[in-house]
Amino acid sequence: MTIRLARGRVTVEVDDEGCPAGGTPPFVRPLTPMAQHGRGIALIDHFADTWSPLTRPRTGVTFTLSWHTHPTTARSSTPQTA
């Protein structure tokens, strides 16, 4: 796993060492309540700003999450009184 942090963004790269090199690239699968696999990519697809499979022969994904800090929370966590 590789994690890169930049202002307001984190990029994560995850190798799937349990999958043979050059195996099927990750993709979003239809989920069923009893499914035992496939939820990781579904979560990444839902929450990430972008994601893509790693370049072959590696198997895994890279994804980016970003956030925006509200100006009042960036200054202080001390409660303000009126």
Protein backbone atom coordinates (compact mmCIF):
# COMPACT_ATOMS: atom_id res chain seq x y z
CA MET A 1 0.00 0.00 0.00
CA THR A 2 1.21 3.47 -0.90
CA ILE A 3 -0.40 6.62 0.50
CA ARG A 4 0.32 10.11 -0.80
CA LEU A 5 -1.08 13.11 1.04
CA ALA A 6 -1.45 16.50 -0.61
CA ARG A 7 -3.38 19.55 0.48
CA GLY A 8 -7.01 18.45 0.66
CA ARG A 9 -6.41 15.12 -1.05
CA VAL A 10 -5.10 11.64 -0.34
CA THR A 11 -4.17 9.13 -3.04
CA VAL A 12 -3.99 5.46 -2.08
CA GLU A 13 -2.52 2.64 -4.15
CA VAL A 14 -3.28 -0.93 -3.05
CA ASP A 15 -1.77 -4.09 -4.54
CA ASP A 16 -3.89 -7.25 -4.31
CA GLU A 17 -1.20 -9.77 -3.43
CA GLY A 18 -3.78 -12.57 -3.20
CA CYS A 19 -4.57 -12.27 -6.90
CA PRO A 20 -2.24 -13.73 -9.52
CA ALA A 21 -0.21 -11.20 -11.51
CA GLY A 22 -2.06 -10.25 -14.66
CA GLY A 23 -5.36 -11.51 -13.21
CA THR A 24 -8.74 -9.93 -13.84
CA PRO A 25 -8.66 -6.16 -13.18
CA PRO A 26 -10.90 -4.99 -10.33
CA PHE A 27 -14.41 -3.90 -11.29
CA VAL A 28 -17.66 -3.00 -9.52
CA ARG A 29 -19.76 -6.14 -9.08
CA PRO A 30 -23.48 -6.32 -8.45
CA LEU A 31 -23.86 -6.82 -4.70
CA THR A 32 -26.20 -9.23 -2.99
CA PRO A 33 -26.76 -9.54 0.77
CA MET A 34 -24.93 -12.89 0.85
CA ALA A 35 -21.98 -11.88 -1.37
CA GLN A 36 -18.64 -12.64 0.26
CA HIS A 37 -16.50 -10.65 -2.19
CA GLY A 38 -16.65 -7.37 -4.10
CA ARG A 39 -17.58 -4.90 -1.38
CA GLY A 40 -14.18 -3.17 -1.34
CA ILE A 41 -14.44 -1.90 -4.91
CA ALA A 42 -18.09 -0.94 -4.34
CA LEU A 43 -17.01 1.20 -1.36
CA ILE A 44 -14.16 2.76 -3.32
CA ASP A 45 -16.50 3.47 -6.25
CA HIS A 46 -19.00 5.15 -3.92
CA PHE A 47 -16.65 7.29 -1.81
CA ALA A 48 -13.61 8.01 -4.01
CA ASP A 49 -13.40 10.99 -6.33
CA THR A 50 -11.55 8.83 -8.85
CA TRP A 51 -10.29 5.26 -9.01
CA SER A 52 -8.71 2.94 -11.55
CA PRO A 53 -7.09 -0.48 -11.75
CA LEU A 54 -3.31 -0.58 -11.45
CA THR A 55 -1.29 -1.03 -14.63
CA ARG A 56 -0.59 -4.66 -15.53
CA PRO A 57 1.05 -6.91 -14.56
CA ARG A 58 0.10 -5.59 -11.10
CA THR A 59 -3.38 -6.25 -9.74
CA GLY A 60 -4.99 -3.71 -7.45
CA VAL A 61 -6.38 -0.19 -7.49
CA THR A 62 -5.44 3.42 -7.01
CA PHE A 63 -8.01 5.90 -5.72
CA THR A 64 -8.23 9.51 -4.61
CA LEU A 65 -10.28 11.03 -1.80
CA SER A 66 -10.54 14.77 -1.31
CA TRP A 67 -12.02 17.02 1.32
CA HIS A 68 -12.62 20.68 1.90
CA THR A 69 -12.12 22.25 5.31
CA HIS A 70 -14.77 24.71 6.37
CA PRO A 71 -13.08 28.08 7.13
CA THR A 72 -14.42 28.25 10.70
CA THR A 73 -13.17 24.77 11.63
CA ALA A 74 -9.70 25.45 10.23
CA ARG A 75 -9.06 28.38 12.61
CA SER A 76 -9.83 26.93 16.01
CA SER A 77 -11.60 24.14 17.76
CA THR A 78 -12.26 26.37 20.78
CA PRO A 79 -15.97 27.23 21.18
CA GLN A 80 -16.74 30.88 20.50
CA THR A 81 -19.06 32.89 22.77
CA ALA A 82 -21.27 35.69 21.49
